[in-house]
């Protein structure tokens, strides 16, 4: 568990990454959320994934200085995050998040799954480090979705980068952080 939390100390995931990047790189973070109790934060984090996974998952939140604070211990290797975005991730995604925040090459050795069943607040579809919408970075706010990593990035070539089609698409295609986004609701359901 300590290794898992260490990996999360410096990262989170895809669509929630712009908010963490703002804090990580010294820019102003998004407005603070209303004060929540730990029980409320845990409930929020667990709502990001399926119950059969979240019932035994660790729960963390981003604390002072971007360090992850453990709110609940887990036993199944999954970690759910309460804030700044609610998400649940397996070990492959935890390592990917660490690589993203360290701007290192991810070492994806197997299929990785992460859940954001509450949707997200938006991210660039083309720039892994964009912290806000621009005229050219294809900012997309996603509805509830699943994110998939594959060790064989050639598999990504067959998928589009256009999220408007309603099916899976590749986010950050052509970068070492490319991954598959799989919406579980129509894109019009995004926040």
C-alpha atoms as a PDB file:
ATOM      1  CA  UNK A   1       0.000   0.000   0.000  1.00  0.00           C
ATOM      2  CA  UNK A   2       2.831   2.405   0.756  1.00  0.00           C
ATOM      3  CA  UNK A   3       4.217   1.911  -2.755  1.00  0.00           C
ATOM      4  CA  UNK A   4       0.765   2.638  -4.173  1.00  0.00           C
ATOM      5  CA  UNK A   5       0.437   5.828  -2.140  1.00  0.00           C
ATOM      6  CA  UNK A   6       3.957   6.856  -3.105  1.00  0.00           C
ATOM      7  CA  UNK A   7       3.009   6.572  -6.767  1.00  0.00           C
ATOM      8  CA  UNK A   8      -0.080   8.645  -6.118  1.00  0.00           C
ATOM      9  CA  UNK A   9       1.807  11.252  -4.142  1.00  0.00           C
ATOM     10  CA  UNK A  10       2.922  12.785  -7.405  1.00  0.00           C
ATOM     11  CA  UNK A  11      -0.001  12.086  -9.660  1.00  0.00           C
ATOM     12  CA  UNK A  12      -3.562  11.410 -10.536  1.00  0.00           C
ATOM     13  CA  UNK A  13      -5.196  10.571 -13.839  1.00  0.00           C
ATOM     14  CA  UNK A  14      -6.080  11.702 -17.256  1.00  0.00           C
ATOM     15  CA  UNK A  15      -9.012  14.022 -17.176  1.00  0.00           C
ATOM     16  CA  UNK A  16      -8.356  15.152 -13.644  1.00  0.00           C
ATOM     17  CA  UNK A  17      -4.730  15.893 -14.337  1.00  0.00           C
ATOM     18  CA  UNK A  18      -5.076  19.533 -15.406  1.00  0.00           C
ATOM     19  CA  UNK A  19      -6.276  20.468 -11.934  1.00  0.00           C
ATOM     20  CA  UNK A  20      -3.349  18.706 -10.314  1.00  0.00           C
ATOM     21  CA  UNK A  21      -0.934  20.216 -12.798  1.00  0.00           C
ATOM     22  CA  UNK A  22      -2.027  23.700 -11.795  1.00  0.00           C
ATOM     23  CA  UNK A  23      -1.031  23.008  -8.197  1.00  0.00           C
ATOM     24  CA  UNK A  24       2.027  20.899  -9.085  1.00  0.00           C
ATOM     25  CA  UNK A  25       3.544  23.530 -11.351  1.00  0.00           C
ATOM     26  CA  UNK A  26       2.982  26.445  -8.986  1.00  0.00           C
ATOM     27  CA  UNK A  27      -0.044  27.947 -10.675  1.00  0.00           C
ATOM     28  CA  UNK A  28      -3.184  28.752  -8.751  1.00  0.00           C
ATOM     29  CA  UNK A  29      -5.313  25.701  -8.118  1.00  0.00           C
ATOM     30  CA  UNK A  30      -9.028  25.589  -8.835  1.00  0.00           C
ATOM     31  CA  UNK A  31     -11.278  27.163  -6.233  1.00  0.00           C
ATOM     32  CA  UNK A  32     -11.402  24.985  -3.122  1.00  0.00           C
ATOM     33  CA  UNK A  33     -14.380  22.693  -2.813  1.00  0.00           C
ATOM     34  CA  UNK A  34     -16.840  23.057   0.029  1.00  0.00           C
ATOM     35  CA  UNK A  35     -15.505  21.563   3.244  1.00  0.00           C
ATOM     36  CA  UNK A  36     -16.452  17.910   3.371  1.00  0.00           C
ATOM     37  CA  UNK A  37     -16.123  15.366   6.126  1.00  0.00           C
ATOM     38  CA  UNK A  38     -13.842  12.383   5.548  1.00  0.00           C
ATOM     39  CA  UNK A  39     -16.952  10.195   5.288  1.00  0.00           C
ATOM     40  CA  UNK A  40     -18.304  12.434   2.512  1.00  0.00           C
ATOM     41  CA  UNK A  41     -14.958  12.396   0.694  1.00  0.00           C
ATOM     42  CA  UNK A  42     -14.801   8.605   0.886  1.00  0.00           C
ATOM     43  CA  UNK A  43     -18.360   8.327  -0.447  1.00  0.00           C
ATOM     44  CA  UNK A  44     -17.464  10.674  -3.319  1.00  0.00           C
ATOM     45  CA  UNK A  45     -14.317   8.733  -4.203  1.00  0.00           C
ATOM     46  CA  UNK A  46     -16.105   5.388  -4.123  1.00  0.00           C
ATOM     47  CA  UNK A  47     -18.818   6.698  -6.445  1.00  0.00           C
ATOM     48  CA  UNK A  48     -16.209   6.871  -9.233  1.00  0.00           C
ATOM     49  CA  UNK A  49     -16.004   3.097  -9.709  1.00  0.00           C
ATOM     50  CA  UNK A  50     -18.081  -0.074  -9.587  1.00  0.00           C
ATOM     51  CA  UNK A  51     -19.046  -1.259  -6.099  1.00  0.00           C
ATOM     52  CA  UNK A  52     -17.357  -4.664  -6.426  1.00  0.00           C
ATOM     53  CA  UNK A  53     -14.017  -2.840  -6.845  1.00  0.00           C
ATOM     54  CA  UNK A  54     -14.548   0.137  -4.559  1.00  0.00           C
ATOM     55  CA  UNK A  55     -15.681  -1.879  -1.535  1.00  0.00           C
ATOM     56  CA  UNK A  56     -12.063  -2.928  -0.881  1.00  0.00           C
ATOM     57  CA  UNK A  57     -10.207  -0.004  -2.518  1.00  0.00           C
ATOM     58  CA  UNK A  58      -7.982   2.460  -0.708  1.00  0.00           C
ATOM     59  CA  UNK A  59      -9.221   6.048  -0.757  1.00  0.00           C
ATOM     60  CA  UNK A  60      -6.962   9.080  -1.059  1.00  0.00           C
ATOM     61  CA  UNK A  61      -7.329  12.784  -1.680  1.00  0.00           C
ATOM     62  CA  UNK A  62      -4.974  15.496  -2.783  1.00  0.00           C
ATOM     63  CA  UNK A  63      -3.671  17.237   0.298  1.00  0.00           C
ATOM     64  CA  UNK A  64      -1.399  20.209   0.980  1.00  0.00           C
ATOM     65  CA  UNK A  65       1.418  20.548  -1.527  1.00  0.00           C
ATOM     66  CA  UNK A  66      -0.208  18.023  -3.868  1.00  0.00           C
ATOM     67  CA  UNK A  67       0.679  15.094  -1.603  1.00  0.00           C
ATOM     68  CA  UNK A  68      -1.862  12.315  -1.381  1.00  0.00           C
ATOM     69  CA  UNK A  69      -3.496  11.759   1.977  1.00  0.00           C
ATOM     70  CA  UNK A  70      -4.913   8.329   2.763  1.00  0.00           C
ATOM     71  CA  UNK A  71      -8.509   8.490   3.973  1.00  0.00           C
ATOM     72  CA  UNK A  72      -9.086   4.731   4.039  1.00  0.00           C
ATOM     73  CA  UNK A  73      -6.845   1.693   3.692  1.00  0.00           C
ATOM     74  CA  UNK A  74      -7.567  -0.786   0.936  1.00  0.00           C
ATOM     75  CA  UNK A  75      -6.923  -4.466   0.365  1.00  0.00           C
ATOM     76  CA  UNK A  76      -7.411  -5.080  -3.366  1.00  0.00           C
ATOM     77  CA  UNK A  77      -4.730  -2.896  -5.000  1.00  0.00           C
ATOM     78  CA  UNK A  78      -7.220  -0.348  -6.337  1.00  0.00           C
ATOM     79  CA  UNK A  79      -7.064   3.285  -5.265  1.00  0.00           C
ATOM     80  CA  UNK A  80      -9.956   5.735  -5.475  1.00  0.00           C
ATOM     81  CA  UNK A  81      -9.375   9.446  -5.315  1.00  0.00           C
ATOM     82  CA  UNK A  82     -11.836  11.902  -3.818  1.00  0.00           C
ATOM     83  CA  UNK A  83     -10.501  15.214  -5.074  1.00  0.00           C
ATOM     84  CA  UNK A  84      -9.779  17.099  -7.281  1.00  0.00           C
ATOM     85  CA  UNK A  85     -11.542  14.557  -9.519  1.00  0.00           C
ATOM     86  CA  UNK A  86     -13.286  11.383  -8.375  1.00  0.00           C
ATOM     87  CA  UNK A  87     -11.597   8.363  -9.964  1.00  0.00           C
ATOM     88  CA  UNK A  88     -10.570   4.770  -9.257  1.00  0.00           C
ATOM     89  CA  UNK A  89      -7.465   3.181 -10.758  1.00  0.00           C
ATOM     90  CA  UNK A  90      -5.663  -0.106 -10.884  1.00  0.00           C
ATOM     91  CA  UNK A  91      -1.907  -0.559 -10.420  1.00  0.00           C
ATOM     92  CA  UNK A  92      -1.050   0.104 -14.097  1.00  0.00           C
ATOM     93  CA  UNK A  93      -2.842   3.451 -13.931  1.00  0.00           C
ATOM     94  CA  UNK A  94      -1.190   4.297 -10.635  1.00  0.00           C
ATOM     95  CA  UNK A  95       2.226   3.829 -12.261  1.00  0.00           C
ATOM     96  CA  UNK A  96       1.098   5.765 -15.332  1.00  0.00           C
ATOM     97  CA  UNK A  97       0.005   8.685 -13.130  1.00  0.00           C
ATOM     98  CA  UNK A  98       3.379   8.721 -11.394  1.00  0.00           C
ATOM     99  CA  UNK A  99       5.135   8.810 -14.788  1.00  0.00           C
ATOM    100  CA  UNK A 100       2.862  11.598 -16.037  1.00  0.00           C
ATOM    101  CA  UNK A 101       3.538  13.828 -13.044  1.00  0.00           C
ATOM    102  CA  UNK A 102       7.270  13.107 -13.258  1.00  0.00           C
ATOM    103  CA  UNK A 103       7.206  13.689 -17.046  1.00  0.00           C
ATOM    104  CA  UNK A 104       8.819  10.274 -17.492  1.00  0.00           C
ATOM    105  CA  UNK A 105       8.016   7.430 -19.825  1.00  0.00           C
ATOM    106  CA  UNK A 106       5.183   5.278 -18.461  1.00  0.00           C
ATOM    107  CA  UNK A 107       6.093   1.607 -18.110  1.00  0.00           C
ATOM    108  CA  UNK A 108       2.784  -0.028 -19.014  1.00  0.00           C
ATOM    109  CA  UNK A 109       3.328  -3.760 -18.696  1.00  0.00           C
ATOM    110  CA  UNK A 110      -0.268  -4.933 -18.895  1.00  0.00           C
ATOM    111  CA  UNK A 111      -3.788  -3.785 -19.546  1.00  0.00           C
ATOM    112  CA  UNK A 112      -4.723  -0.913 -17.218  1.00  0.00           C
ATOM    113  CA  UNK A 113      -8.231   0.173 -16.194  1.00  0.00           C
ATOM    114  CA  UNK A 114      -9.393   3.339 -14.471  1.00  0.00           C
ATOM    115  CA  UNK A 115     -12.925   4.540 -13.792  1.00  0.00           C
ATOM    116  CA  UNK A 116     -14.351   8.043 -13.716  1.00  0.00           C
ATOM    117  CA  UNK A 117     -18.031   7.167 -13.388  1.00  0.00           C
ATOM    118  CA  UNK A 118     -18.851  10.727 -12.296  1.00  0.00           C
ATOM    119  CA  UNK A 119     -17.341  12.212 -15.466  1.00  0.00           C
ATOM    120  CA  UNK A 120     -14.710  14.933 -15.369  1.00  0.00           C
ATOM    121  CA  UNK A 121     -14.226  18.689 -15.518  1.00  0.00           C
ATOM    122  CA  UNK A 122     -12.314  18.634 -18.791  1.00  0.00           C
ATOM    123  CA  UNK A 123      -8.877  18.138 -20.323  1.00  0.00           C
ATOM    124  CA  UNK A 124      -7.097  18.750 -23.593  1.00  0.00           C
ATOM    125  CA  UNK A 125      -7.481  15.874 -26.010  1.00  0.00           C
ATOM    126  CA  UNK A 126      -4.076  16.610 -27.569  1.00  0.00           C
ATOM    127  CA  UNK A 127      -1.779  18.047 -24.875  1.00  0.00           C
ATOM    128  CA  UNK A 128      -1.123  15.952 -21.752  1.00  0.00           C
ATOM    129  CA  UNK A 129       0.052  19.013 -19.816  1.00  0.00           C
ATOM    130  CA  UNK A 130      -2.520  21.635 -20.843  1.00  0.00           C
ATOM    131  CA  UNK A 131      -4.151  23.257 -17.832  1.00  0.00           C
ATOM    132  CA  UNK A 132      -6.938  25.071 -19.662  1.00  0.00           C
ATOM    133  CA  UNK A 133      -8.880  25.359 -22.884  1.00  0.00           C
ATOM    134  CA  UNK A 134      -7.246  27.029 -25.897  1.00  0.00           C
ATOM    135  CA  UNK A 135      -8.363  27.497 -29.478  1.00  0.00           C
ATOM    136  CA  UNK A 136      -6.270  24.518 -30.608  1.00  0.00           C
ATOM    137  CA  UNK A 137      -6.054  21.951 -27.804  1.00  0.00           C
ATOM    138  CA  UNK A 138      -9.423  20.224 -28.310  1.00  0.00           C
ATOM    139  CA  UNK A 139     -10.704  20.657 -24.751  1.00  0.00           C
ATOM    140  CA  UNK A 140     -13.231  17.949 -23.912  1.00  0.00           C
ATOM    141  CA  UNK A 141     -15.444  17.489 -20.863  1.00  0.00           C
ATOM    142  CA  UNK A 142     -16.256  13.790 -20.613  1.00  0.00           C
ATOM    143  CA  UNK A 143     -19.347  12.099 -19.183  1.00  0.00           C
ATOM    144  CA  UNK A 144     -18.885   9.011 -16.993  1.00  0.00           C
ATOM    145  CA  UNK A 145     -16.176   6.900 -18.609  1.00  0.00           C
ATOM    146  CA  UNK A 146     -13.613   4.126 -18.335  1.00  0.00           C
ATOM    147  CA  UNK A 147      -9.983   4.676 -19.309  1.00  0.00           C
ATOM    148  CA  UNK A 148      -7.828   1.907 -20.751  1.00  0.00           C
ATOM    149  CA  UNK A 149      -4.061   1.546 -21.051  1.00  0.00           C
ATOM    150  CA  UNK A 150      -2.444  -0.994 -23.332  1.00  0.00           C
ATOM    151  CA  UNK A 151       1.221  -1.999 -23.424  1.00  0.00           C
ATOM    152  CA  UNK A 152       0.926  -2.305 -27.230  1.00  0.00           C
ATOM    153  CA  UNK A 153       0.433   1.284 -28.375  1.00  0.00           C
ATOM    154  CA  UNK A 154       0.022   0.102 -31.988  1.00  0.00           C
ATOM    155  CA  UNK A 155      -3.460  -1.008 -30.924  1.00  0.00           C
ATOM    156  CA  UNK A 156      -4.344   2.667 -30.547  1.00  0.00           C
ATOM    157  CA  UNK A 157      -3.830   3.302 -34.263  1.00  0.00           C
ATOM    158  CA  UNK A 158      -7.189   1.742 -35.129  1.00  0.00           C
ATOM    159  CA  UNK A 159      -9.153   4.115 -32.899  1.00  0.00           C
ATOM    160  CA  UNK A 160     -10.163   7.704 -33.666  1.00  0.00           C
ATOM    161  CA  UNK A 161      -9.196  10.776 -31.668  1.00  0.00           C
ATOM    162  CA  UNK A 162     -12.617  12.372 -32.239  1.00  0.00           C
ATOM    163  CA  UNK A 163     -14.813  12.187 -29.157  1.00  0.00           C
ATOM    164  CA  UNK A 164     -17.858  13.483 -31.048  1.00  0.00           C
ATOM    165  CA  UNK A 165     -18.593  10.068 -32.569  1.00  0.00           C
ATOM    166  CA  UNK A 166     -19.954   8.756 -29.269  1.00  0.00           C
ATOM    167  CA  UNK A 167     -17.684   5.740 -29.081  1.00  0.00           C
ATOM    168  CA  UNK A 168     -14.208   5.122 -27.678  1.00  0.00           C
ATOM    169  CA  UNK A 169     -11.409   7.441 -28.721  1.00  0.00           C
ATOM    170  CA  UNK A 170      -7.727   7.907 -28.037  1.00  0.00           C
ATOM    171  CA  UNK A 171      -6.752  10.818 -25.827  1.00  0.00           C
ATOM    172  CA  UNK A 172      -3.253  12.249 -26.253  1.00  0.00           C
ATOM    173  CA  UNK A 173      -2.596  10.101 -29.329  1.00  0.00           C
ATOM    174  CA  UNK A 174       1.002  10.239 -30.505  1.00  0.00           C
ATOM    175  CA  UNK A 175       2.323  10.937 -27.010  1.00  0.00           C
ATOM    176  CA  UNK A 176       3.738   8.498 -24.489  1.00  0.00           C
ATOM    177  CA  UNK A 177       0.640   9.173 -22.337  1.00  0.00           C
ATOM    178  CA  UNK A 178      -1.920   8.047 -24.946  1.00  0.00           C
ATOM    179  CA  UNK A 179      -4.847   6.020 -23.619  1.00  0.00           C
ATOM    180  CA  UNK A 180      -8.342   4.948 -24.613  1.00  0.00           C
ATOM    181  CA  UNK A 181     -11.376   6.837 -23.347  1.00  0.00           C
ATOM    182  CA  UNK A 182     -14.598   4.803 -23.260  1.00  0.00           C
ATOM    183  CA  UNK A 183     -17.693   6.862 -22.439  1.00  0.00           C
ATOM    184  CA  UNK A 184     -20.432   4.977 -20.610  1.00  0.00           C
ATOM    185  CA  UNK A 185     -23.053   7.626 -21.389  1.00  0.00           C
ATOM    186  CA  UNK A 186     -23.619   9.901 -24.381  1.00  0.00           C
ATOM    187  CA  UNK A 187     -21.140  12.760 -24.652  1.00  0.00           C
ATOM    188  CA  UNK A 188     -24.070  15.156 -24.245  1.00  0.00           C
ATOM    189  CA  UNK A 189     -24.307  13.927 -20.634  1.00  0.00           C
ATOM    190  CA  UNK A 190     -20.974  15.566 -19.734  1.00  0.00           C
ATOM    191  CA  UNK A 191     -21.096  18.190 -16.983  1.00  0.00           C
END
